[in-house]
């Protein structure tokens, strides 16, 4: 599930729906028999995918000097709520996609998507007392949060420390000592 969801993200910049994941896993099994993808397996796989996205992001920032982002789309569409809806008294504009009020819109980054995944997973309530709930809360969620934090810190370092160095700066290799490399 982790590999399948990571591949889907790289191709579409979206999280694979559970039904699509199940059908792709069934297709991979062929004549050997279908492997059942439980909702628990799906959620745990999405949590694990955040680690792959973290490694992908940090590697990209280290080699390309920028955070991976999707292609620019028209993400500033706004929708009005219908006056006939139950919440008619609370009329307001609703953003179709998350975007910041900027003069020129920017494409969604992997960090934006990681934050959105973190938010959705933190809102999820696993059935209390189950082995799944225990694994999710004690293992998967802390690691997932750590992965998002690592990407945030790496981007901070790239933005702040990278701007302090002159263009084309290379570490001094003289003196026989290897250059120190920052790691995350």
N, C-alpha and C. Protein backbone atom coordinates (compact mmCIF):
# COMPACT_ATOMS: atom_id res chain seq x y z
N UNK A 1 0.83 -1.19 0.00
CA UNK A 1 0.00 0.00 0.00
C UNK A 1 0.87 1.26 0.00
N UNK A 2 1.95 1.21 0.77
CA UNK A 2 2.85 2.37 0.83
C UNK A 2 3.43 2.68 -0.54
N UNK A 3 3.94 1.65 -1.22
CA UNK A 3 4.55 1.86 -2.54
C UNK A 3 3.51 2.29 -3.56
N UNK A 4 2.34 1.67 -3.51
CA UNK A 4 1.27 2.00 -4.46
C UNK A 4 0.80 3.45 -4.27
N UNK A 5 0.63 3.85 -3.03
CA UNK A 5 0.16 5.23 -2.77
C UNK A 5 1.23 6.25 -3.14
N UNK A 6 2.51 5.92 -2.93
CA UNK A 6 3.60 6.82 -3.29
C UNK A 6 3.67 6.98 -4.81
N UNK A 7 3.58 5.87 -5.53
CA UNK A 7 3.59 5.93 -7.00
C UNK A 7 2.40 6.77 -7.50
N UNK A 8 1.23 6.55 -6.93
CA UNK A 8 0.05 7.31 -7.34
C UNK A 8 0.25 8.80 -7.09
N UNK A 9 0.84 9.13 -5.92
CA UNK A 9 1.08 10.54 -5.61
C UNK A 9 2.04 11.17 -6.62
N UNK A 10 3.13 10.46 -6.93
CA UNK A 10 4.10 11.01 -7.88
C UNK A 10 3.48 11.24 -9.25
N UNK A 11 2.55 10.39 -9.65
CA UNK A 11 1.92 10.52 -10.96
C UNK A 11 0.79 11.54 -10.98
N UNK A 12 0.08 11.70 -9.88
CA UNK A 12 -1.14 12.54 -9.89
C UNK A 12 -1.14 13.68 -8.89
N UNK A 13 -0.21 13.71 -7.96
CA UNK A 13 -0.16 14.64 -6.84
C UNK A 13 -1.47 14.61 -6.05
N UNK A 14 -1.96 13.39 -5.83
CA UNK A 14 -3.14 13.19 -5.00
C UNK A 14 -3.02 11.86 -4.28
N UNK A 15 -3.82 11.70 -3.23
CA UNK A 15 -3.85 10.45 -2.48
C UNK A 15 -4.76 9.47 -3.22
N UNK A 16 -4.30 8.25 -3.36
CA UNK A 16 -5.08 7.24 -4.07
C UNK A 16 -6.33 6.88 -3.26
N UNK A 17 -7.50 6.86 -3.89
CA UNK A 17 -8.71 6.44 -3.17
C UNK A 17 -8.62 4.96 -2.79
N UNK A 18 -9.25 4.59 -1.70
CA UNK A 18 -9.18 3.21 -1.20
C UNK A 18 -9.68 2.21 -2.23
N UNK A 19 -10.76 2.54 -2.93
CA UNK A 19 -11.33 1.62 -3.92
C UNK A 19 -10.34 1.38 -5.07
N UNK A 20 -9.69 2.44 -5.52
CA UNK A 20 -8.71 2.31 -6.60
C UNK A 20 -7.50 1.50 -6.14
N UNK A 21 -7.08 1.72 -4.89
CA UNK A 21 -5.96 0.96 -4.34
C UNK A 21 -6.31 -0.53 -4.30
N UNK A 22 -7.52 -0.85 -3.85
CA UNK A 22 -7.94 -2.25 -3.79
C UNK A 22 -7.95 -2.88 -5.18
N UNK A 23 -8.46 -2.17 -6.17
CA UNK A 23 -8.51 -2.75 -7.51
C UNK A 23 -7.10 -2.92 -8.11
N UNK A 24 -6.19 -2.00 -7.83
CA UNK A 24 -4.82 -2.14 -8.33
C UNK A 24 -4.09 -3.29 -7.64
N UNK A 25 -4.32 -3.46 -6.36
CA UNK A 25 -3.70 -4.57 -5.64
C UNK A 25 -4.26 -5.89 -6.16
N UNK A 26 -5.56 -5.95 -6.41
CA UNK A 26 -6.17 -7.16 -6.96
C UNK A 26 -5.59 -7.48 -8.34
N UNK A 27 -5.37 -6.45 -9.15
CA UNK A 27 -4.80 -6.65 -10.49
C UNK A 27 -3.36 -7.16 -10.41
N UNK A 28 -2.61 -6.72 -9.41
CA UNK A 28 -1.23 -7.17 -9.25
C UNK A 28 -1.17 -8.63 -8.81
N UNK A 29 -2.19 -9.09 -8.11
CA UNK A 29 -2.19 -10.47 -7.60
C UNK A 29 -2.39 -11.48 -8.72
N UNK A 30 -3.14 -11.10 -9.75
CA UNK A 30 -3.38 -12.01 -10.88
C UNK A 30 -4.09 -13.26 -10.45
N UNK A 31 -3.61 -14.40 -10.94
CA UNK A 31 -4.26 -15.68 -10.68
C UNK A 31 -3.94 -16.24 -9.30
N UNK A 32 -3.01 -15.65 -8.61
CA UNK A 32 -2.62 -16.14 -7.29
C UNK A 32 -3.71 -15.93 -6.25
N UNK A 33 -4.69 -15.11 -6.55
CA UNK A 33 -5.76 -14.82 -5.60
C UNK A 33 -5.68 -13.38 -5.15
N UNK A 34 -6.81 -12.86 -4.79
CA UNK A 34 -6.90 -11.46 -4.41
C UNK A 34 -6.47 -11.25 -2.96
N UNK A 35 -5.68 -10.22 -2.74
CA UNK A 35 -5.29 -9.81 -1.39
C UNK A 35 -6.28 -8.75 -0.95
N UNK A 36 -6.85 -8.92 0.20
CA UNK A 36 -7.84 -7.96 0.72
C UNK A 36 -7.12 -6.77 1.33
N UNK A 37 -7.48 -5.58 0.91
CA UNK A 37 -6.95 -4.35 1.48
C UNK A 37 -7.99 -3.82 2.47
N UNK A 38 -7.70 -3.96 3.74
CA UNK A 38 -8.65 -3.51 4.76
C UNK A 38 -8.54 -1.99 4.92
N UNK A 39 -9.56 -1.36 5.47
CA UNK A 39 -9.45 0.08 5.75
C UNK A 39 -8.26 0.40 6.66
N UNK A 40 -7.98 -0.50 7.60
CA UNK A 40 -6.84 -0.29 8.49
C UNK A 40 -5.53 -0.29 7.70
N UNK A 41 -5.39 -1.26 6.79
CA UNK A 41 -4.18 -1.34 5.96
C UNK A 41 -4.04 -0.09 5.09
N UNK A 42 -5.16 0.38 4.56
CA UNK A 42 -5.15 1.58 3.70
C UNK A 42 -4.63 2.79 4.49
N UNK A 43 -5.17 3.02 5.67
CA UNK A 43 -4.77 4.19 6.47
C UNK A 43 -3.31 4.08 6.93
N UNK A 44 -2.92 2.89 7.36
CA UNK A 44 -1.53 2.70 7.77
C UNK A 44 -0.58 2.89 6.59
N UNK A 45 -0.99 2.48 5.40
CA UNK A 45 -0.17 2.68 4.20
C UNK A 45 -0.02 4.15 3.85
N UNK A 46 -1.08 4.92 4.03
CA UNK A 46 -1.01 6.37 3.78
C UNK A 46 -0.05 7.02 4.79
N UNK A 47 -0.12 6.57 6.04
CA UNK A 47 0.83 7.09 7.05
C UNK A 47 2.26 6.78 6.63
N UNK A 48 2.50 5.55 6.18
CA UNK A 48 3.85 5.17 5.76
C UNK A 48 4.30 5.96 4.53
N UNK A 49 3.37 6.30 3.65
CA UNK A 49 3.71 7.06 2.45
C UNK A 49 4.30 8.42 2.81
N UNK A 50 3.90 9.00 3.93
CA UNK A 50 4.44 10.31 4.30
C UNK A 50 5.95 10.25 4.50
N UNK A 51 6.46 9.11 4.93
CA UNK A 51 7.91 8.95 5.06
C UNK A 51 8.59 8.98 3.71
N UNK A 52 7.96 8.34 2.72
CA UNK A 52 8.51 8.37 1.36
C UNK A 52 8.46 9.79 0.79
N UNK A 53 7.37 10.50 1.07
CA UNK A 53 7.27 11.89 0.59
C UNK A 53 8.31 12.78 1.26
N UNK A 54 8.61 12.50 2.54
CA UNK A 54 9.64 13.26 3.24
C UNK A 54 11.01 13.02 2.59
N UNK A 55 11.34 11.77 2.34
CA UNK A 55 12.63 11.46 1.70
C UNK A 55 12.71 12.06 0.30
N UNK A 56 11.63 11.96 -0.44
CA UNK A 56 11.57 12.54 -1.78
C UNK A 56 11.79 14.05 -1.73
N UNK A 57 11.15 14.72 -0.78
CA UNK A 57 11.27 16.18 -0.65
C UNK A 57 12.67 16.61 -0.26
N UNK A 58 13.22 15.97 0.75
CA UNK A 58 14.55 16.35 1.23
C UNK A 58 15.60 16.08 0.16
N UNK A 59 15.49 14.95 -0.53
CA UNK A 59 16.43 14.64 -1.61
C UNK A 59 16.32 15.67 -2.73
N UNK A 60 15.10 16.03 -3.08
CA UNK A 60 14.90 17.02 -4.14
C UNK A 60 15.46 18.38 -3.74
N UNK A 61 15.25 18.78 -2.48
CA UNK A 61 15.78 20.07 -2.03
C UNK A 61 17.31 20.04 -2.02
N UNK A 62 17.89 18.91 -1.66
CA UNK A 62 19.35 18.81 -1.61
C UNK A 62 19.96 18.81 -3.01
N UNK A 63 19.29 18.21 -3.97
CA UNK A 63 19.87 18.11 -5.32
C UNK A 63 19.44 19.26 -6.24
N UNK A 64 18.22 19.74 -6.09
CA UNK A 64 17.70 20.78 -7.00
C UNK A 64 17.61 22.16 -6.35
N UNK A 65 17.72 22.21 -5.03
CA UNK A 65 17.63 23.50 -4.35
C UNK A 65 16.22 24.04 -4.24
N UNK A 66 15.21 23.17 -4.43
CA UNK A 66 13.83 23.65 -4.26
C UNK A 66 12.92 22.51 -3.84
N UNK A 67 11.82 22.89 -3.22
CA UNK A 67 10.82 21.94 -2.77
C UNK A 67 10.00 21.47 -3.97
N UNK A 68 9.77 20.17 -4.13
CA UNK A 68 8.98 19.70 -5.26
C UNK A 68 7.56 20.27 -5.22
N UNK A 69 7.07 20.66 -6.39
CA UNK A 69 5.73 21.23 -6.49
C UNK A 69 5.08 20.73 -7.77
N UNK A 70 3.76 20.79 -7.78
CA UNK A 70 3.01 20.39 -8.96
C UNK A 70 3.00 21.50 -9.99
N UNK A 71 2.24 21.28 -11.04
CA UNK A 71 2.10 22.29 -12.07
C UNK A 71 1.06 23.31 -11.64
N UNK A 72 1.24 24.54 -12.08
CA UNK A 72 0.34 25.61 -11.73
C UNK A 72 -1.02 25.38 -12.39
N UNK A 73 -2.05 25.40 -11.55
CA UNK A 73 -3.42 25.28 -12.06
C UNK A 73 -4.21 26.47 -11.55
N UNK A 74 -5.39 26.62 -12.08
CA UNK A 74 -6.24 27.72 -11.60
C UNK A 74 -6.85 27.31 -10.28
N UNK A 75 -6.16 27.61 -9.18
CA UNK A 75 -6.61 27.17 -7.86
C UNK A 75 -7.28 28.28 -7.07
N UNK A 76 -7.58 29.36 -7.71
CA UNK A 76 -8.22 30.46 -7.00
C UNK A 76 -9.72 30.53 -7.26
N UNK A 77 -10.32 29.42 -7.67
CA UNK A 77 -11.76 29.40 -7.91
C UNK A 77 -12.48 29.53 -6.58
N UNK A 78 -13.58 30.20 -6.58
CA UNK A 78 -14.37 30.34 -5.37
C UNK A 78 -15.80 29.91 -5.68
N UNK A 79 -16.46 29.39 -4.68
CA UNK A 79 -17.81 28.88 -4.84
C UNK A 79 -18.70 29.58 -3.84
N UNK A 80 -19.87 29.99 -4.27
CA UNK A 80 -20.86 30.57 -3.36
C UNK A 80 -21.77 29.45 -2.87
N UNK A 81 -22.13 29.47 -1.59
CA UNK A 81 -23.09 28.51 -1.10
C UNK A 81 -24.47 28.87 -1.63
N UNK A 82 -25.28 27.85 -1.87
CA UNK A 82 -26.64 28.08 -2.34
C UNK A 82 -27.46 28.74 -1.24
N UNK A 83 -28.31 29.66 -1.62
CA UNK A 83 -29.17 30.33 -0.66
C UNK A 83 -30.19 29.36 -0.08
N UNK A 84 -30.48 28.26 -0.79
CA UNK A 84 -31.46 27.29 -0.32
C UNK A 84 -30.85 26.26 0.63
N UNK A 85 -29.55 26.29 0.81
CA UNK A 85 -28.92 25.29 1.66
C UNK A 85 -29.27 25.53 3.13
N UNK A 86 -29.05 24.50 3.94
CA UNK A 86 -29.37 24.59 5.36
C UNK A 86 -28.59 25.69 6.06
N UNK A 87 -27.40 25.99 5.58
CA UNK A 87 -26.54 26.99 6.20
C UNK A 87 -26.69 28.36 5.54
N UNK A 88 -27.87 28.66 5.02
CA UNK A 88 -28.06 29.90 4.27
C UNK A 88 -27.74 31.12 5.12
N UNK A 89 -27.93 31.05 6.44
CA UNK A 89 -27.62 32.17 7.30
C UNK A 89 -26.13 32.41 7.43
N UNK A 90 -25.36 31.41 7.12
CA UNK A 90 -23.90 31.51 7.23
C UNK A 90 -23.25 31.62 5.86
N UNK A 91 -23.85 32.39 4.95
CA UNK A 91 -23.31 32.49 3.59
C UNK A 91 -21.90 33.05 3.62
N UNK A 92 -21.04 32.43 2.86
CA UNK A 92 -19.68 32.92 2.72
C UNK A 92 -19.05 32.25 1.52
N UNK A 93 -17.96 32.82 1.05
CA UNK A 93 -17.24 32.20 -0.05
C UNK A 93 -16.42 31.05 0.52
N UNK A 94 -16.33 29.97 -0.26
CA UNK A 94 -15.56 28.82 0.16
C UNK A 94 -14.52 28.53 -0.90
N UNK A 95 -13.28 28.40 -0.47
CA UNK A 95 -12.22 28.05 -1.41
C UNK A 95 -12.41 26.60 -1.83
N UNK A 96 -12.32 26.33 -3.14
CA UNK A 96 -12.39 24.96 -3.62
C UNK A 96 -11.11 24.21 -3.26
N UNK A 97 -9.98 24.85 -3.35
CA UNK A 97 -8.70 24.24 -2.99
C UNK A 97 -8.00 25.20 -2.04
N UNK A 98 -7.15 24.65 -1.21
CA UNK A 98 -6.40 25.48 -0.29
C UNK A 98 -5.39 26.32 -1.07
N UNK A 99 -5.48 27.64 -0.90
CA UNK A 99 -4.46 28.51 -1.49
C UNK A 99 -4.38 29.76 -0.64
N UNK A 100 -3.23 30.34 -0.61
CA UNK A 100 -3.01 31.56 0.15
C UNK A 100 -3.32 32.75 -0.74
N UNK A 101 -3.79 33.83 -0.11
CA UNK A 101 -4.07 35.04 -0.88
C UNK A 101 -2.74 35.64 -1.32
N UNK A 102 -2.45 35.48 -2.60
CA UNK A 102 -1.18 35.97 -3.14
C UNK A 102 -1.48 36.70 -4.43
N UNK A 103 -0.55 37.54 -4.81
CA UNK A 103 -0.71 38.25 -6.07
C UNK A 103 -0.63 37.27 -7.23
N UNK A 104 0.34 36.39 -7.22
CA UNK A 104 0.44 35.38 -8.27
C UNK A 104 0.33 34.01 -7.62
N UNK A 105 -0.64 33.21 -8.04
CA UNK A 105 -0.81 31.90 -7.40
C UNK A 105 0.39 31.00 -7.67
N UNK A 106 0.71 30.16 -6.69
CA UNK A 106 1.83 29.24 -6.82
C UNK A 106 1.27 27.82 -6.80
N UNK A 107 1.96 26.90 -7.45
CA UNK A 107 1.49 25.51 -7.43
C UNK A 107 1.61 24.92 -6.03
N UNK A 108 0.80 23.91 -5.77
CA UNK A 108 0.85 23.19 -4.50
C UNK A 108 2.17 22.46 -4.40
N UNK A 109 2.76 22.50 -3.22
CA UNK A 109 4.03 21.80 -2.99
C UNK A 109 3.77 20.50 -2.25
N UNK A 110 4.79 19.66 -2.18
CA UNK A 110 4.69 18.43 -1.41
C UNK A 110 4.42 18.76 0.05
N UNK A 111 5.01 19.84 0.55
CA UNK A 111 4.77 20.23 1.94
C UNK A 111 3.31 20.59 2.16
N UNK A 112 2.69 21.30 1.23
CA UNK A 112 1.26 21.60 1.35
C UNK A 112 0.45 20.32 1.45
N UNK A 113 0.80 19.35 0.61
CA UNK A 113 0.07 18.08 0.61
C UNK A 113 0.34 17.29 1.89
N UNK A 114 1.58 17.29 2.36
CA UNK A 114 1.90 16.59 3.62
C UNK A 114 1.11 17.19 4.78
N UNK A 115 1.01 18.50 4.81
CA UNK A 115 0.24 19.16 5.87
C UNK A 115 -1.24 18.78 5.79
N UNK A 116 -1.77 18.71 4.57
CA UNK A 116 -3.18 18.33 4.38
C UNK A 116 -3.41 16.88 4.81
N UNK A 117 -2.48 15.99 4.48
CA UNK A 117 -2.59 14.59 4.90
C UNK A 117 -2.52 14.50 6.42
N UNK A 118 -1.58 15.24 7.02
CA UNK A 118 -1.46 15.24 8.48
C UNK A 118 -2.76 15.70 9.13
N UNK A 119 -3.35 16.76 8.62
CA UNK A 119 -4.59 17.28 9.17
C UNK A 119 -5.71 16.24 9.10
N UNK A 120 -5.85 15.60 7.95
CA UNK A 120 -6.90 14.59 7.80
C UNK A 120 -6.67 13.39 8.72
N UNK A 121 -5.43 12.95 8.84
CA UNK A 121 -5.14 11.81 9.71
C UNK A 121 -5.32 12.16 11.18
N UNK A 122 -5.02 13.39 11.55
CA UNK A 122 -5.20 13.80 12.95
C UNK A 122 -6.68 13.92 13.32
N UNK A 123 -7.53 14.17 12.33
CA UNK A 123 -8.97 14.25 12.59
C UNK A 123 -9.62 12.87 12.65
N UNK A 124 -8.93 11.86 12.13
CA UNK A 124 -9.46 10.50 12.10
C UNK A 124 -9.48 9.91 13.50
N UNK A 125 -10.58 9.29 13.87
CA UNK A 125 -10.69 8.65 15.17
C UNK A 125 -10.79 7.15 14.97
N UNK A 126 -9.76 6.45 15.38
CA UNK A 126 -9.75 4.99 15.27
C UNK A 126 -10.59 4.40 16.40
N UNK A 127 -11.20 3.25 16.15
CA UNK A 127 -12.00 2.61 17.20
C UNK A 127 -11.14 2.33 18.43
N UNK A 128 -11.58 2.81 19.57
CA UNK A 128 -10.81 2.68 20.80
C UNK A 128 -10.58 1.24 21.20
N UNK A 129 -9.41 0.97 21.75
CA UNK A 129 -9.09 -0.35 22.26
C UNK A 129 -8.63 -1.36 21.22
N UNK A 130 -8.68 -1.00 19.95
CA UNK A 130 -8.27 -1.95 18.92
C UNK A 130 -6.76 -1.92 18.74
N UNK A 131 -6.23 -3.01 18.17
CA UNK A 131 -4.79 -3.07 17.88
C UNK A 131 -4.44 -1.99 16.85
N UNK A 132 -5.34 -1.76 15.90
CA UNK A 132 -5.14 -0.72 14.89
C UNK A 132 -5.00 0.65 15.54
N UNK A 133 -5.90 0.99 16.47
CA UNK A 133 -5.84 2.29 17.15
C UNK A 133 -4.54 2.45 17.92
N UNK A 134 -4.11 1.37 18.58
CA UNK A 134 -2.86 1.43 19.34
C UNK A 134 -1.67 1.69 18.41
N UNK A 135 -1.61 0.95 17.29
CA UNK A 135 -0.49 1.12 16.36
C UNK A 135 -0.51 2.50 15.72
N UNK A 136 -1.70 2.97 15.38
CA UNK A 136 -1.83 4.28 14.75
C UNK A 136 -1.37 5.38 15.70
N UNK A 137 -1.84 5.36 16.93
CA UNK A 137 -1.55 6.45 17.87
C UNK A 137 -0.15 6.39 18.46
N UNK A 138 0.39 5.20 18.67
CA UNK A 138 1.70 5.11 19.32
C UNK A 138 2.86 5.05 18.35
N UNK A 139 2.61 4.59 17.12
CA UNK A 139 3.72 4.43 16.17
C UNK A 139 3.57 5.31 14.94
N UNK A 140 2.49 5.14 14.23
CA UNK A 140 2.36 5.76 12.90
C UNK A 140 2.17 7.28 12.97
N UNK A 141 1.32 7.76 13.85
CA UNK A 141 1.06 9.21 13.91
C UNK A 141 2.29 10.00 14.35
N UNK A 142 3.01 9.58 15.39
CA UNK A 142 4.21 10.35 15.75
C UNK A 142 5.26 10.38 14.62
N UNK A 143 5.44 9.25 13.93
CA UNK A 143 6.40 9.22 12.83
C UNK A 143 5.92 10.11 11.69
N UNK A 144 4.62 10.08 11.40
CA UNK A 144 4.06 10.92 10.33
C UNK A 144 4.28 12.41 10.65
N UNK A 145 4.01 12.79 11.89
CA UNK A 145 4.22 14.19 12.29
C UNK A 145 5.70 14.58 12.17
N UNK A 146 6.57 13.66 12.55
CA UNK A 146 8.01 13.90 12.46
C UNK A 146 8.44 14.11 11.00
N UNK A 147 7.84 13.34 10.09
CA UNK A 147 8.18 13.47 8.67
C UNK A 147 7.79 14.86 8.15
N UNK A 148 6.61 15.33 8.53
CA UNK A 148 6.18 16.66 8.09
C UNK A 148 7.09 17.71 8.69
N UNK A 149 7.45 17.56 9.97
CA UNK A 149 8.36 18.51 10.62
C UNK A 149 9.72 18.54 9.92
N UNK A 150 10.23 17.39 9.49
CA UNK A 150 11.53 17.35 8.82
C UNK A 150 11.50 18.11 7.50
N UNK A 151 10.41 17.99 6.77
CA UNK A 151 10.30 18.73 5.50
C UNK A 151 10.22 20.22 5.79
N UNK A 152 9.45 20.60 6.82
CA UNK A 152 9.35 22.02 7.18
C UNK A 152 10.72 22.58 7.57
N UNK A 153 11.46 21.84 8.39
CA UNK A 153 12.79 22.29 8.82
C UNK A 153 13.77 22.35 7.65
N UNK A 154 13.69 21.37 6.75
CA UNK A 154 14.57 21.37 5.59
C UNK A 154 14.28 22.57 4.70
N UNK A 155 13.01 22.88 4.50
CA UNK A 155 12.65 24.05 3.69
C UNK A 155 13.08 25.34 4.37
N UNK A 156 12.93 25.39 5.69
CA UNK A 156 13.40 26.55 6.44
C UNK A 156 14.90 26.73 6.23
N UNK A 157 15.66 25.65 6.38
CA UNK A 157 17.11 25.73 6.19
C UNK A 157 17.47 26.15 4.78
N UNK A 158 16.75 25.62 3.81
CA UNK A 158 17.01 25.98 2.41
C UNK A 158 16.70 27.46 2.16
N UNK A 159 15.59 27.91 2.71
CA UNK A 159 15.17 29.30 2.49
C UNK A 159 16.07 30.28 3.22
N UNK A 160 16.32 30.05 4.50
CA UNK A 160 17.09 31.00 5.31
C UNK A 160 18.58 30.86 5.05
N UNK A 161 19.10 29.68 5.23
CA UNK A 161 20.54 29.50 5.08
C UNK A 161 20.98 29.58 3.62
N UNK A 162 20.12 29.12 2.73
CA UNK A 162 20.45 29.18 1.31
C UNK A 162 20.55 30.61 0.81
N UNK A 163 19.73 31.50 1.36
CA UNK A 163 19.77 32.89 0.91
C UNK A 163 20.98 33.63 1.45
N UNK A 164 21.61 33.08 2.48
CA UNK A 164 22.79 33.72 3.06
C UNK A 164 24.05 33.45 2.23
N UNK A 165 24.02 32.43 1.40
CA UNK A 165 25.19 32.07 0.60
C UNK A 165 25.12 32.76 -0.75
N UNK A 166 26.26 33.23 -1.24
CA UNK A 166 26.26 33.84 -2.57
C UNK A 166 25.98 32.79 -3.66
N UNK A 167 25.43 33.24 -4.77
CA UNK A 167 25.12 32.34 -5.88
C UNK A 167 26.39 31.65 -6.35
N UNK A 168 26.31 30.33 -6.54
CA UNK A 168 27.46 29.57 -6.98
C UNK A 168 28.41 29.19 -5.87
N UNK A 169 28.06 29.45 -4.61
CA UNK A 169 28.93 29.14 -3.48
C UNK A 169 29.19 27.65 -3.39
N UNK A 170 30.44 27.30 -3.15
CA UNK A 170 30.84 25.91 -2.96
C UNK A 170 31.64 25.84 -1.67
N UNK A 171 31.54 24.74 -0.92
CA UNK A 171 32.32 24.62 0.31
C UNK A 171 33.81 24.57 0.01
N UNK A 172 34.62 25.12 0.91
CA UNK A 172 36.07 25.12 0.75
C UNK A 172 36.59 23.71 0.97
N UNK A 173 37.22 23.15 -0.05
CA UNK A 173 37.72 21.78 0.03
C UNK A 173 39.20 21.74 0.40
N UNK A 174 39.80 22.90 0.61
CA UNK A 174 41.22 22.96 0.94
C UNK A 174 41.47 22.52 2.38
N UNK A 175 42.75 22.34 2.72
CA UNK A 175 43.11 22.00 4.09
C UNK A 175 43.02 20.52 4.39
N UNK A 176 42.67 19.71 3.40
CA UNK A 176 42.64 18.27 3.59
C UNK A 176 41.47 17.77 4.41
N UNK A 177 40.64 18.68 4.86
CA UNK A 177 39.49 18.27 5.66
C UNK A 177 38.26 18.18 4.77
N UNK A 178 37.44 17.14 4.91
CA UNK A 178 36.22 17.09 4.10
C UNK A 178 35.25 18.19 4.53
N UNK A 179 34.48 18.68 3.57
CA UNK A 179 33.51 19.73 3.86
C UNK A 179 32.38 19.17 4.71
N UNK A 180 31.92 19.98 5.64
CA UNK A 180 30.78 19.56 6.46
C UNK A 180 29.51 19.74 5.64
N UNK A 181 28.62 18.78 5.79
CA UNK A 181 27.36 18.81 5.05
C UNK A 181 26.23 18.81 6.06
N UNK A 182 25.28 19.70 5.87
CA UNK A 182 24.11 19.72 6.75
C UNK A 182 23.21 18.54 6.40
N UNK A 183 22.63 17.93 7.40
CA UNK A 183 21.71 16.82 7.14
C UNK A 183 20.46 17.03 7.98
N UNK A 184 19.42 16.38 7.55
CA UNK A 184 18.14 16.49 8.24
C UNK A 184 17.65 15.13 8.64
